[in-house]
PDB file of N, CA and C in Angstrom:
ATOM      1  N   MET A   1      16.127  41.090  30.321  1.00  0.00           N
ATOM      2  CA  MET A   1      17.551  41.171  30.102  1.00  0.00           C
ATOM      3  C   MET A   1      18.256  40.628  31.344  1.00  0.00           C
ATOM      4  N   ARG A   2      19.144  39.662  31.155  1.00  0.00           N
ATOM      5  CA  ARG A   2      19.908  39.099  32.266  1.00  0.00           C
ATOM      6  C   ARG A   2      21.071  40.021  32.602  1.00  0.00           C
ATOM      7  N   GLN A   3      21.360  40.080  33.877  1.00  0.00           N
ATOM      8  CA  GLN A   3      22.456  40.934  34.319  1.00  0.00           C
ATOM      9  C   GLN A   3      23.129  40.297  35.520  1.00  0.00           C
ATOM     10  N   GLN A   4      24.414  40.582  35.671  1.00  0.00           N
ATOM     11  CA  GLN A   4      25.146  40.093  36.827  1.00  0.00           C
ATOM     12  C   GLN A   4      24.928  41.007  38.023  1.00  0.00           C
ATOM     13  N   MET A   5      25.024  42.312  37.760  1.00  0.00           N
ATOM     14  CA  MET A   5      24.990  43.298  38.825  1.00  0.00           C
ATOM     15  C   MET A   5      24.598  44.638  38.220  1.00  0.00           C
ATOM     16  N   VAL A   6      23.929  45.468  39.025  1.00  0.00           N
ATOM     17  CA  VAL A   6      23.608  46.835  38.610  1.00  0.00           C
ATOM     18  C   VAL A   6      24.169  47.770  39.672  1.00  0.00           C
ATOM     19  N   LEU A   7      25.027  48.688  39.239  1.00  0.00           N
ATOM     20  CA  LEU A   7      25.634  49.684  40.110  1.00  0.00           C
ATOM     21  C   LEU A   7      25.062  51.035  39.699  1.00  0.00           C
ATOM     22  N   GLY A   8      24.158  51.565  40.506  1.00  0.00           N
ATOM     23  CA  GLY A   8      23.463  52.789  40.111  1.00  0.00           C
ATOM     24  C   GLY A   8      22.677  52.518  38.835  1.00  0.00           C
ATOM     25  N   THR A   9      23.034  53.188  37.746  1.00  0.00           N
ATOM     26  CA  THR A   9      22.380  52.973  36.456  1.00  0.00           C
ATOM     27  C   THR A   9      23.198  52.080  35.532  1.00  0.00           C
ATOM     28  N   PHE A  10      24.360  51.615  36.005  1.00  0.00           N
ATOM     29  CA  PHE A  10      25.273  50.853  35.160  1.00  0.00           C
ATOM     30  C   PHE A  10      25.016  49.356  35.313  1.00  0.00           C
ATOM     31  N   ILE A  11      24.863  48.665  34.185  1.00  0.00           N
ATOM     32  CA  ILE A  11      24.576  47.226  34.188  1.00  0.00           C
ATOM     33  C   ILE A  11      25.815  46.447  33.776  1.00  0.00           C
ATOM     34  N   PHE A  12      26.217  45.485  34.624  1.00  0.00           N
ATOM     35  CA  PHE A  12      27.263  44.523  34.285  1.00  0.00           C
ATOM     36  C   PHE A  12      26.579  43.263  33.757  1.00  0.00           C
ATOM     37  N   GLY A  13      27.049  42.744  32.641  1.00  0.00           N
ATOM     38  CA  GLY A  13      26.495  41.499  32.140  1.00  0.00           C
ATOM     39  C   GLY A  13      26.819  41.267  30.682  1.00  0.00           C
ATOM     40  N   LEU A  14      26.610  40.051  30.245  1.00  0.00           N
ATOM     41  CA  LEU A  14      26.881  39.673  28.863  1.00  0.00           C
ATOM     42  C   LEU A  14      25.982  40.416  27.886  1.00  0.00           C
ATOM     43  N   SER A  15      24.774  40.757  28.330  1.00  0.00           N
ATOM     44  CA  SER A  15      23.834  41.453  27.440  1.00  0.00           C
ATOM     45  C   SER A  15      24.376  42.811  26.998  1.00  0.00           C
ATOM     46  N   ARG A  16      25.308  43.395  27.765  1.00  0.00           N
ATOM     47  CA  ARG A  16      25.912  44.689  27.405  1.00  0.00           C
ATOM     48  C   ARG A  16      27.369  44.517  26.994  1.00  0.00           C
ATOM     49  N   ASN A  17      27.787  43.272  26.792  1.00  0.00           N
ATOM     50  CA  ASN A  17      29.178  42.969  26.432  1.00  0.00           C
ATOM     51  C   ASN A  17      30.160  43.540  27.454  1.00  0.00           C
ATOM     52  N   PHE A  18      29.767  43.498  28.729  1.00  0.00           N
ATOM     53  CA  PHE A  18      30.631  43.986  29.796  1.00  0.00           C
ATOM     54  C   PHE A  18      30.345  43.193  31.066  1.00  0.00           C
ATOM     55  N   ALA A  19      30.742  41.941  31.037  1.00  0.00           N
ATOM     56  CA  ALA A  19      30.564  41.068  32.191  1.00  0.00           C
ATOM     57  C   ALA A  19      31.834  41.078  33.035  1.00  0.00           C
ATOM     58  N   TYR A  20      31.665  40.905  34.332  1.00  0.00           N
ATOM     59  CA  TYR A  20      32.861  40.798  35.168  1.00  0.00           C
ATOM     60  C   TYR A  20      33.224  39.331  35.357  1.00  0.00           C
ATOM     61  N   HIS A  21      34.508  39.095  35.663  1.00  0.00           N
ATOM     62  CA  HIS A  21      35.021  37.741  35.844  1.00  0.00           C
ATOM     63  C   HIS A  21      35.200  37.397  37.311  1.00  0.00           C
ATOM     64  N   ASN A  22      35.573  38.392  38.105  1.00  0.00           N
ATOM     65  CA  ASN A  22      35.839  38.167  39.526  1.00  0.00           C
ATOM     66  C   ASN A  22      35.216  39.276  40.357  1.00  0.00           C
ATOM     67  N   LEU A  23      34.736  38.887  41.515  1.00  0.00           N
ATOM     68  CA  LEU A  23      34.263  39.840  42.506  1.00  0.00           C
ATOM     69  C   LEU A  23      34.905  39.443  43.824  1.00  0.00           C
ATOM     70  N   MET A  24      35.699  40.335  44.390  1.00  0.00           N
ATOM     71  CA  MET A  24      36.352  40.077  45.670  1.00  0.00           C
ATOM     72  C   MET A  24      35.732  41.003  46.706  1.00  0.00           C
ATOM     73  N   ARG A  25      35.237  40.411  47.796  1.00  0.00           N
ATOM     74  CA  ARG A  25      34.546  41.174  48.832  1.00  0.00           C
ATOM     75  C   ARG A  25      35.319  41.045  50.137  1.00  0.00           C
ATOM     76  N   GLY A  26      35.555  42.174  50.785  1.00  0.00           N
ATOM     77  CA  GLY A  26      36.274  42.156  52.051  1.00  0.00           C
ATOM     78  C   GLY A  26      35.469  42.837  53.142  1.00  0.00           C
ATOM     79  N   ALA A  27      35.598  42.302  54.351  1.00  0.00           N
ATOM     80  CA  ALA A  27      34.923  42.886  55.508  1.00  0.00           C
ATOM     81  C   ALA A  27      35.892  42.903  56.679  1.00  0.00           C
ATOM     82  N   ASP A  28      35.970  44.039  57.351  1.00  0.00           N
ATOM     83  CA  ASP A  28      36.834  44.230  58.509  1.00  0.00           C
ATOM     84  C   ASP A  28      35.976  44.070  59.754  1.00  0.00           C
ATOM     85  N   GLY A  29      36.375  43.154  60.628  1.00  0.00           N
ATOM     86  CA  GLY A  29      35.595  42.893  61.841  1.00  0.00           C
ATOM     87  C   GLY A  29      35.787  43.908  62.943  1.00  0.00           C
ATOM     88  N   GLY A  30      36.756  44.824  62.793  1.00  0.00           N
ATOM     89  CA  GLY A  30      36.930  45.880  63.779  1.00  0.00           C
ATOM     90  C   GLY A  30      37.818  45.520  64.951  1.00  0.00           C
ATOM     91  N   TRP A  31      38.545  44.419  64.869  1.00  0.00           N
ATOM     92  CA  TRP A  31      39.428  44.026  65.966  1.00  0.00           C
ATOM     93  C   TRP A  31      40.804  44.635  65.790  1.00  0.00           C
ATOM     94  N   GLN A  32      41.338  45.190  66.864  1.00  0.00           N
ATOM     95  CA  GLN A  32      42.686  45.752  66.889  1.00  0.00           C
ATOM     96  C   GLN A  32      43.455  45.092  68.032  1.00  0.00           C
ATOM     97  N   SER A  33      44.758  44.960  67.846  1.00  0.00           N
ATOM     98  CA  SER A  33      45.617  44.445  68.904  1.00  0.00           C
ATOM     99  C   SER A  33      46.413  45.598  69.493  1.00  0.00           C
ATOM    100  N   VAL A  34      46.398  45.670  70.816  1.00  0.00           N
ATOM    101  CA  VAL A  34      47.141  46.701  71.535  1.00  0.00           C
ATOM    102  C   VAL A  34      48.257  46.004  72.297  1.00  0.00           C
ATOM    103  N   ASP A  35      49.500  46.407  72.014  1.00  0.00           N
ATOM    104  CA  ASP A  35      50.642  45.786  72.679  1.00  0.00           C
ATOM    105  C   ASP A  35      50.576  45.995  74.181  1.00  0.00           C
ATOM    106  N   ALA A  36      50.944  44.952  74.903  1.00  0.00           N
ATOM    107  CA  ALA A  36      51.017  45.021  76.364  1.00  0.00           C
ATOM    108  C   ALA A  36      52.460  44.731  76.775  1.00  0.00           C
ATOM    109  N   ALA A  37      52.972  45.466  77.726  1.00  0.00           N
ATOM    110  CA  ALA A  37      54.367  45.334  78.146  1.00  0.00           C
ATOM    111  C   ALA A  37      54.641  44.017  78.855  1.00  0.00           C
ATOM    112  N   THR A  38      53.637  43.430  79.484  1.00  0.00           N
ATOM    113  CA  THR A  38      53.880  42.251  80.310  1.00  0.00           C
ATOM    114  C   THR A  38      53.312  40.954  79.749  1.00  0.00           C
ATOM    115  N   GLY A  39      52.857  40.933  78.520  1.00  0.00           N
ATOM    116  CA  GLY A  39      52.300  39.698  77.976  1.00  0.00           C
ATOM    117  C   GLY A  39      51.848  39.863  76.538  1.00  0.00           C
ATOM    118  N   LYS A  40      50.935  39.014  76.172  1.00  0.00           N
ATOM    119  CA  LYS A  40      50.409  39.044  74.818  1.00  0.00           C
ATOM    120  C   LYS A  40      49.631  40.333  74.570  1.00  0.00           C
ATOM    121  N   PRO A  41      49.517  40.727  73.291  1.00  0.00           N
ATOM    122  CA  PRO A  41      48.705  41.911  72.987  1.00  0.00           C
ATOM    123  C   PRO A  41      47.260  41.720  73.448  1.00  0.00           C
ATOM    124  N   ILE A  42      46.620  42.820  73.746  1.00  0.00           N
ATOM    125  CA  ILE A  42      45.230  42.813  74.198  1.00  0.00           C
ATOM    126  C   ILE A  42      44.342  43.127  72.994  1.00  0.00           C
ATOM    127  N   SER A  43      43.323  42.290  72.786  1.00  0.00           N
ATOM    128  CA  SER A  43      42.385  42.513  71.687  1.00  0.00           C
ATOM    129  C   SER A  43      41.347  43.537  72.095  1.00  0.00           C
ATOM    130  N   SER A  44      41.073  44.434  71.170  1.00  0.00           N
ATOM    131  CA  SER A  44      40.111  45.491  71.442  1.00  0.00           C
ATOM    132  C   SER A  44      39.182  45.650  70.235  1.00  0.00           C
ATOM    133  N   GLN A  45      37.893  45.789  70.496  1.00  0.00           N
ATOM    134  CA  GLN A  45      36.903  45.976  69.434  1.00  0.00           C
ATOM    135  C   GLN A  45      36.701  47.471  69.227  1.00  0.00           C
ATOM    136  N   THR A  46      37.001  47.949  68.024  1.00  0.00           N
ATOM    137  CA  THR A  46      36.896  49.378  67.725  1.00  0.00           C
ATOM    138  C   THR A  46      35.723  49.697  66.800  1.00  0.00           C
ATOM    139  N   GLY A  47      34.938  48.700  66.466  1.00  0.00           N
ATOM    140  CA  GLY A  47      33.803  48.917  65.565  1.00  0.00           C
ATOM    141  C   GLY A  47      34.106  48.365  64.184  1.00  0.00           C
ATOM    142  N   GLN A  48      33.111  47.792  63.588  1.00  0.00           N
ATOM    143  CA  GLN A  48      33.273  47.165  62.278  1.00  0.00           C
ATOM    144  C   GLN A  48      33.618  48.191  61.213  1.00  0.00           C
ATOM    145  N   GLY A  49      34.569  47.838  60.357  1.00  0.00           N
ATOM    146  CA  GLY A  49      34.962  48.709  59.259  1.00  0.00           C
ATOM    147  C   GLY A  49      34.021  48.588  58.075  1.00  0.00           C
ATOM    148  N   LEU A  50      34.241  49.420  57.092  1.00  0.00           N
ATOM    149  CA  LEU A  50      33.435  49.393  55.875  1.00  0.00           C
ATOM    150  C   LEU A  50      33.853  48.218  54.993  1.00  0.00           C
ATOM    151  N   GLN A  51      32.892  47.640  54.298  1.00  0.00           N
ATOM    152  CA  GLN A  51      33.184  46.562  53.359  1.00  0.00           C
ATOM    153  C   GLN A  51      33.823  47.132  52.092  1.00  0.00           C
ATOM    154  N   THR A  52      34.587  46.290  51.418  1.00  0.00           N
ATOM    155  CA  THR A  52      35.197  46.668  50.144  1.00  0.00           C
ATOM    156  C   THR A  52      34.810  45.644  49.084  1.00  0.00           C
ATOM    157  N   LEU A  53      34.750  46.106  47.848  1.00  0.00           N
ATOM    158  CA  LEU A  53      34.533  45.230  46.694  1.00  0.00           C
ATOM    159  C   LEU A  53      35.540  45.592  45.619  1.00  0.00           C
ATOM    160  N   LYS A  54      36.100  44.576  44.982  1.00  0.00           N
ATOM    161  CA  LYS A  54      36.912  44.768  43.783  1.00  0.00           C
ATOM    162  C   LYS A  54      36.266  43.888  42.717  1.00  0.00           C
ATOM    163  N   ILE A  55      35.854  44.531  41.629  1.00  0.00           N
ATOM    164  CA  ILE A  55      35.214  43.820  40.519  1.00  0.00           C
ATOM    165  C   ILE A  55      36.162  43.920  39.331  1.00  0.00           C
ATOM    166  N   THR A  56      36.510  42.760  38.738  1.00  0.00           N
ATOM    167  CA  THR A  56      37.465  42.742  37.635  1.00  0.00           C
ATOM    168  C   THR A  56      36.870  42.035  36.431  1.00  0.00           C
ATOM    169  N   GLY A  57      37.370  42.432  35.260  1.00  0.00           N
ATOM    170  CA  GLY A  57      36.899  41.794  34.035  1.00  0.00           C
ATOM    171  C   GLY A  57      37.831  42.055  32.877  1.00  0.00           C
ATOM    172  N   LYS A  58      37.475  41.457  31.760  1.00  0.00           N
ATOM    173  CA  LYS A  58      38.202  41.622  30.504  1.00  0.00           C
ATOM    174  C   LYS A  58      37.150  41.799  29.431  1.00  0.00           C
ATOM    175  N   SER A  59      37.283  42.877  28.667  1.00  0.00           N
ATOM    176  CA  SER A  59      36.314  43.171  27.620  1.00  0.00           C
ATOM    177  C   SER A  59      37.039  43.531  26.332  1.00  0.00           C
ATOM    178  N   MET A  60      36.289  43.697  25.274  1.00  0.00           N
ATOM    179  CA  MET A  60      36.883  43.849  23.958  1.00  0.00           C
ATOM    180  C   MET A  60      36.430  45.128  23.255  1.00  0.00           C
ATOM    181  N   TYR A  61      37.346  45.636  22.445  1.00  0.00           N
ATOM    182  CA  TYR A  61      37.069  46.672  21.455  1.00  0.00           C
ATOM    183  C   TYR A  61      36.540  47.976  22.064  1.00  0.00           C
ATOM    184  N   THR A  62      35.907  48.779  21.227  1.00  0.00           N
ATOM    185  CA  THR A  62      35.407  50.079  21.673  1.00  0.00           C
ATOM    186  C   THR A  62      34.286  49.931  22.689  1.00  0.00           C
ATOM    187  N   THR A  63      33.592  48.796  22.691  1.00  0.00           N
ATOM    188  CA  THR A  63      32.537  48.583  23.690  1.00  0.00           C
ATOM    189  C   THR A  63      33.114  48.697  25.085  1.00  0.00           C
ATOM    190  N   ALA A  64      34.257  48.063  25.305  1.00  0.00           N
ATOM    191  CA  ALA A  64      34.892  48.127  26.626  1.00  0.00           C
ATOM    192  C   ALA A  64      35.253  49.560  26.974  1.00  0.00           C
ATOM    193  N   MET A  65      35.830  50.271  26.029  1.00  0.00           N
ATOM    194  CA  MET A  65      36.243  51.649  26.275  1.00  0.00           C
ATOM    195  C   MET A  65      35.032  52.531  26.587  1.00  0.00           C
ATOM    196  N   ASP A  66      33.929  52.318  25.873  1.00  0.00           N
ATOM    197  CA  ASP A  66      32.701  53.083  26.109  1.00  0.00           C
ATOM    198  C   ASP A  66      32.110  52.779  27.485  1.00  0.00           C
ATOM    199  N   ARG A  67      32.095  51.505  27.865  1.00  0.00           N
ATOM    200  CA  ARG A  67      31.528  51.120  29.170  1.00  0.00           C
ATOM    201  C   ARG A  67      32.345  51.728  30.313  1.00  0.00           C
ATOM    202  N   LEU A  68      33.660  51.732  30.165  1.00  0.00           N
ATOM    203  CA  LEU A  68      34.502  52.333  31.202  1.00  0.00           C
ATOM    204  C   LEU A  68      34.265  53.837  31.301  1.00  0.00           C
ATOM    205  N   ASP A  69      34.014  54.482  30.178  1.00  0.00           N
ATOM    206  CA  ASP A  69      33.654  55.905  30.205  1.00  0.00           C
ATOM    207  C   ASP A  69      32.339  56.120  30.955  1.00  0.00           C
ATOM    208  N   GLU A  70      31.385  55.196  30.785  1.00  0.00           N
ATOM    209  CA  GLU A  70      30.119  55.269  31.512  1.00  0.00           C
ATOM    210  C   GLU A  70      30.361  55.155  33.016  1.00  0.00           C
ATOM    211  N   LEU A  71      31.234  54.220  33.411  1.00  0.00           N
ATOM    212  CA  LEU A  71      31.548  54.065  34.833  1.00  0.00           C
ATOM    213  C   LEU A  71      32.227  55.313  35.393  1.00  0.00           C
ATOM    214  N   ARG A  72      33.133  55.902  34.615  1.00  0.00           N
ATOM    215  CA  ARG A  72      33.804  57.120  35.064  1.00  0.00           C
ATOM    216  C   ARG A  72      32.815  58.286  35.213  1.00  0.00           C
ATOM    217  N   ALA A  73      31.837  58.358  34.322  1.00  0.00           N
ATOM    218  CA  ALA A  73      30.810  59.396  34.427  1.00  0.00           C
ATOM    219  C   ALA A  73      29.971  59.190  35.694  1.00  0.00           C
ATOM    220  N   LEU A  74      29.670  57.952  36.012  1.00  0.00           N
ATOM    221  CA  LEU A  74      28.934  57.646  37.239  1.00  0.00           C
ATOM    222  C   LEU A  74      29.782  58.008  38.460  1.00  0.00           C
ATOM    223  N   GLN A  75      31.082  57.697  38.399  1.00  0.00           N
ATOM    224  CA  GLN A  75      32.003  58.041  39.477  1.00  0.00           C
ATOM    225  C   GLN A  75      32.095  59.559  39.655  1.00  0.00           C
ATOM    226  N   ALA A  76      32.087  60.296  38.547  1.00  0.00           N
ATOM    227  CA  ALA A  76      32.231  61.755  38.580  1.00  0.00           C
ATOM    228  C   ALA A  76      31.048  62.449  39.260  1.00  0.00           C
ATOM    229  N   LEU A  77      29.931  61.754  39.400  1.00  0.00           N
ATOM    230  CA  LEU A  77      28.788  62.326  40.110  1.00  0.00           C
ATOM    231  C   LEU A  77      29.097  62.504  41.598  1.00  0.00           C
ATOM    232  N   ARG A  78      30.054  61.748  42.102  1.00  0.00           N
ATOM    233  CA  ARG A  78      30.517  61.821  43.494  1.00  0.00           C
ATOM    234  C   ARG A  78      29.397  61.640  44.508  1.00  0.00           C
ATOM    235  N   VAL A  79      28.533  60.663  44.228  1.00  0.00           N
ATOM    236  CA  VAL A  79      27.469  60.299  45.157  1.00  0.00           C
ATOM    237  C   VAL A  79      27.478  58.784  45.326  1.00  0.00           C
ATOM    238  N   PRO A  80      27.070  58.281  46.497  1.00  0.00           N
ATOM    239  CA  PRO A  80      26.964  56.836  46.654  1.00  0.00           C
ATOM    240  C   PRO A  80      25.838  56.302  45.775  1.00  0.00           C
ATOM    241  N   VAL A  81      26.048  55.093  45.248  1.00  0.00           N
ATOM    242  CA  VAL A  81      25.056  54.496  44.354  1.00  0.00           C
ATOM    243  C   VAL A  81      24.666  53.108  44.865  1.00  0.00           C
ATOM    244  N   PRO A  82      23.417  52.697  44.623  1.00  0.00           N
ATOM    245  CA  PRO A  82      22.986  51.372  45.060  1.00  0.00           C
ATOM    246  C   PRO A  82      23.619  50.280  44.202  1.00  0.00           C
ATOM    247  N   LEU A  83      23.811  49.126  44.817  1.00  0.00           N
ATOM    248  CA  LEU A  83      24.330  47.952  44.135  1.00  0.00           C
ATOM    249  C   LEU A  83      23.343  46.818  44.338  1.00  0.00           C
ATOM    250  N   VAL A  84      22.859  46.245  43.230  1.00  0.00           N
ATOM    251  CA  VAL A  84      21.880  45.162  43.280  1.00  0.00           C
ATOM    252  C   VAL A  84      22.400  44.037  42.401  1.00  0.00           C
ATOM    253  N   ASP A  85      22.400  42.805  42.936  1.00  0.00           N
ATOM    254  CA  ASP A  85      22.906  41.692  42.134  1.00  0.00           C
ATOM    255  C   ASP A  85      21.829  41.124  41.216  1.00  0.00           C
ATOM    256  N   GLY A  86      22.210  40.167  40.403  1.00  0.00           N
ATOM    257  CA  GLY A  86      21.339  39.622  39.370  1.00  0.00           C
ATOM    258  C   GLY A  86      20.127  38.867  39.879  1.00  0.00           C
ATOM    259  N   ILE A  87      20.148  38.468  41.159  1.00  0.00           N
ATOM    260  CA  ILE A  87      18.981  37.777  41.717  1.00  0.00           C
ATOM    261  C   ILE A  87      18.109  38.724  42.547  1.00  0.00           C
ATOM    262  N   GLY A  88      18.430  40.018  42.479  1.00  0.00           N
ATOM    263  CA  GLY A  88      17.593  41.023  43.115  1.00  0.00           C
ATOM    264  C   GLY A  88      17.984  41.405  44.532  1.00  0.00           C
ATOM    265  N   ARG A  89      19.087  40.881  45.034  1.00  0.00           N
ATOM    266  CA  ARG A  89      19.525  41.211  46.396  1.00  0.00           C
ATOM    267  C   ARG A  89      20.170  42.594  46.419  1.00  0.00           C
ATOM    268  N   ASN A  90      19.695  43.454  47.309  1.00  0.00           N
ATOM    269  CA  ASN A  90      20.218  44.817  47.446  1.00  0.00           C
ATOM    270  C   ASN A  90      21.428  44.787  48.373  1.00  0.00           C
ATOM    271  N   TRP A  91      22.582  45.229  47.883  1.00  0.00           N
ATOM    272  CA  TRP A  91      23.818  45.232  48.661  1.00  0.00           C
ATOM    273  C   TRP A  91      24.038  46.571  49.357  1.00  0.00           C
ATOM    274  N   GLY A  92      23.106  47.499  49.242  1.00  0.00           N
ATOM    275  CA  GLY A  92      23.234  48.800  49.890  1.00  0.00           C
ATOM    276  C   GLY A  92      23.900  49.825  48.995  1.00  0.00           C
ATOM    277  N   LEU A  93      24.372  50.910  49.621  1.00  0.00           N
ATOM    278  CA  LEU A  93      25.008  52.004  48.883  1.00  0.00           C
ATOM    279  C   LEU A  93      26.525  51.853  48.889  1.00  0.00           C
ATOM    280  N   TRP A  94      27.136  52.218  47.736  1.00  0.00           N
ATOM    281  CA  TRP A  94      28.584  52.069  47.569  1.00  0.00           C
ATOM    282  C   TRP A  94      29.175  53.310  46.927  1.00  0.00           C
ATOM    283  N   GLN A  95      30.426  53.592  47.298  1.00  0.00           N
ATOM    284  CA  GLN A  95      31.201  54.677  46.705  1.00  0.00           C
ATOM    285  C   GLN A  95      32.110  54.077  45.629  1.00  0.00           C
ATOM    286  N   ILE A  96      32.186  54.697  44.469  1.00  0.00           N
ATOM    287  CA  ILE A  96      33.097  54.244  43.418  1.00  0.00           C
ATOM    288  C   ILE A  96      34.443  54.916  43.676  1.00  0.00           C
ATOM    289  N   ILE A  97      35.405  54.147  44.154  1.00  0.00           N
ATOM    290  CA  ILE A  97      36.703  54.686  44.540  1.00  0.00           C
ATOM    291  C   ILE A  97      37.651  54.736  43.340  1.00  0.00           C
ATOM    292  N   THR A  98      37.753  53.634  42.607  1.00  0.00           N
ATOM    293  CA  THR A  98      38.716  53.536  41.505  1.00  0.00           C
ATOM    294  C   THR A  98      38.070  52.881  40.299  1.00  0.00           C
ATOM    295  N   VAL A  99      38.338  53.432  39.118  1.00  0.00           N
ATOM    296  CA  VAL A  99      38.028  52.785  37.838  1.00  0.00           C
ATOM    297  C   VAL A  99      39.349  52.731  37.079  1.00  0.00           C
ATOM    298  N   SER A 100      39.861  51.519  36.818  1.00  0.00           N
ATOM    299  CA  SER A 100      41.171  51.373  36.170  1.00  0.00           C
ATOM    300  C   SER A 100      41.091  50.415  35.001  1.00  0.00           C
ATOM    301  N   GLU A 101      41.964  50.640  34.038  1.00  0.00           N
ATOM    302  CA  GLU A 101      41.999  49.771  32.861  1.00  0.00           C
ATOM    303  C   GLU A 101      43.425  49.621  32.358  1.00  0.00           C
ATOM    304  N   THR A 102      43.651  48.506  31.684  1.00  0.00           N
ATOM    305  CA  THR A 102      44.889  48.271  30.946  1.00  0.00           C
ATOM    306  C   THR A 102      44.486  47.887  29.534  1.00  0.00           C
ATOM    307  N   GLN A 103      44.843  48.735  28.572  1.00  0.00           N
ATOM    308  CA  GLN A 103      44.525  48.458  27.170  1.00  0.00           C
ATOM    309  C   GLN A 103      45.682  47.700  26.537  1.00  0.00           C
ATOM    310  N   SER A 104      45.358  46.686  25.728  1.00  0.00           N
ATOM    311  CA  SER A 104      46.405  45.956  25.009  1.00  0.00           C
ATOM    312  C   SER A 104      45.934  45.641  23.594  1.00  0.00           C
ATOM    313  N   ASN A 105      46.900  45.290  22.772  1.00  0.00           N
ATOM    314  CA  ASN A 105      46.631  45.011  21.360  1.00  0.00           C
ATOM    315  C   ASN A 105      45.908  46.186  20.710  1.00  0.00           C
ATOM    316  N   VAL A 106      46.467  47.371  20.904  1.00  0.00           N
ATOM    317  CA  VAL A 106      45.869  48.602  20.388  1.00  0.00           C
ATOM    318  C   VAL A 106      46.194  48.724  18.898  1.00  0.00           C
ATOM    319  N   ILE A 107      45.156  48.948  18.090  1.00  0.00           N
ATOM    320  CA  ILE A 107      45.353  49.058  16.649  1.00  0.00           C
ATOM    321  C   ILE A 107      45.608  50.513  16.250  1.00  0.00           C
ATOM    322  N   ASP A 108      45.821  50.755  14.968  1.00  0.00           N
ATOM    323  CA  ASP A 108      46.293  52.052  14.483  1.00  0.00           C
ATOM    324  C   ASP A 108      45.342  53.225  14.722  1.00  0.00           C
ATOM    325  N   ASP A 109      44.066  52.969  14.969  1.00  0.00           N
ATOM    326  CA  ASP A 109      43.160  54.089  15.247  1.00  0.00           C
ATOM    327  C   ASP A 109      42.988  54.338  16.747  1.00  0.00           C
ATOM    328  N   GLY A 110      43.759  53.612  17.581  1.00  0.00           N
ATOM    329  CA  GLY A 110      43.708  53.798  19.023  1.00  0.00           C
ATOM    330  C   GLY A 110      42.726  52.896  19.744  1.00  0.00           C
ATOM    331  N   THR A 111      42.053  52.014  19.015  1.00  0.00           N
ATOM    332  CA  THR A 111      41.109  51.092  19.630  1.00  0.00           C
ATOM    333  C   THR A 111      41.862  49.940  20.274  1.00  0.00           C
ATOM    334  N   ALA A 112      41.551  49.654  21.533  1.00  0.00           N
ATOM    335  CA  ALA A 112      42.145  48.513  22.221  1.00  0.00           C
ATOM    336  C   ALA A 112      41.345  47.258  21.879  1.00  0.00           C
ATOM    337  N   MET A 113      42.025  46.251  21.430  1.00  0.00           N
ATOM    338  CA  MET A 113      41.351  44.989  21.141  1.00  0.00           C
ATOM    339  C   MET A 113      40.963  44.266  22.429  1.00  0.00           C
ATOM    340  N   VAL A 114      41.782  44.431  23.467  1.00  0.00           N
ATOM    341  CA  VAL A 114      41.521  43.807  24.767  1.00  0.00           C
ATOM    342  C   VAL A 114      41.700  44.869  25.850  1.00  0.00           C
ATOM    343  N   VAL A 115      40.759  44.910  26.782  1.00  0.00           N
ATOM    344  CA  VAL A 115      40.848  45.827  27.915  1.00  0.00           C
ATOM    345  C   VAL A 115      40.630  45.031  29.198  1.00  0.00           C
ATOM    346  N   ASP A 116      41.654  44.960  30.025  1.00  0.00           N
ATOM    347  CA  ASP A 116      41.519  44.402  31.373  1.00  0.00           C
ATOM    348  C   ASP A 116      41.153  45.565  32.278  1.00  0.00           C
ATOM    349  N   TRP A 117      40.168  45.390  33.126  1.00  0.00           N
ATOM    350  CA  TRP A 117      39.691  46.497  33.940  1.00  0.00           C
ATOM    351  C   TRP A 117      39.352  46.039  35.350  1.00  0.00           C
ATOM    352  N   PHE A 118      39.330  47.000  36.267  1.00  0.00           N
ATOM    353  CA  PHE A 118      38.812  46.726  37.605  1.00  0.00           C
ATOM    354  C   PHE A 118      38.228  48.001  38.188  1.00  0.00           C
ATOM    355  N   ILE A 119      37.291  47.808  39.103  1.00  0.00           N
ATOM    356  CA  ILE A 119      36.760  48.927  39.866  1.00  0.00           C
ATOM    357  C   ILE A 119      36.817  48.550  41.347  1.00  0.00           C
ATOM    358  N   ASP A 120      37.127  49.543  42.171  1.00  0.00           N
ATOM    359  CA  ASP A 120      37.126  49.375  43.621  1.00  0.00           C
ATOM    360  C   ASP A 120      35.949  50.148  44.179  1.00  0.00           C
ATOM    361  N   LEU A 121      35.175  49.475  45.014  1.00  0.00           N
ATOM    362  CA  LEU A 121      34.021  50.096  45.666  1.00  0.00           C
ATOM    363  C   LEU A 121      34.213  50.050  47.176  1.00  0.00           C
ATOM    364  N   LEU A 122      33.705  51.054  47.860  1.00  0.00           N
ATOM    365  CA  LEU A 122      33.746  51.116  49.309  1.00  0.00           C
ATOM    366  C   LEU A 122      32.327  51.341  49.808  1.00  0.00           C
ATOM    367  N   GLU A 123      31.918  50.540  50.761  1.00  0.00           N
ATOM    368  CA  GLU A 123      30.581  50.650  51.332  1.00  0.00           C
ATOM    369  C   GLU A 123      30.331  52.070  51.842  1.00  0.00           C
ATOM    370  N   PHE A 124      29.132  52.559  51.638  1.00  0.00           N
ATOM    371  CA  PHE A 124      28.715  53.869  52.141  1.00  0.00           C
ATOM    372  C   PHE A 124      27.771  53.608  53.309  1.00  0.00           C
ATOM    373  N   ALA A 125      28.159  54.068  54.497  1.00  0.00           N
ATOM    374  CA  ALA A 125      27.369  53.722  55.681  1.00  0.00           C
ATOM    375  C   ALA A 125      26.890  54.943  56.454  1.00  0.00           C
ATOM    376  N   ASN A 126      26.830  56.104  55.832  1.00  0.00           N
ATOM    377  CA  ASN A 126      26.391  57.310  56.541  1.00  0.00           C
ATOM    378  C   ASN A 126      24.891  57.385  56.706  1.00  0.00           C
ATOM    379  N   ALA A 127      24.175  56.560  55.974  1.00  0.00           N
ATOM    380  CA  ALA A 127      22.713  56.647  56.006  1.00  0.00           C
ATOM    381  C   ALA A 127      22.134  55.849  57.162  1.00  0.00           C
TER     382      ALA A 127
END
């Protein structure tokens, strides 16, 4: 089975009708500027910050709603989970910070025909 990414036990990919469209990764280098009264600010290294990931996608019908419920259940465990990409690279442990969705074209039984969604992850570095 092909997959884009596995977050804990959750699989992102076309095989589950829940593929992501964008992955945005951020890293903080730990540099801070301290104002100086007599010149330019002084750069100071305070230690590298945690990485962030935002994964976004668009899915359809009850499948999307069910997959988001699966992600929320994983989030509710309140434990860091491993993230592994489709080529087998281990990205380490991540915290699920946000699971959000926007439902549109909702039909009379409450099923969303289109669901735009995103999840925010924060690197877990206590280990």
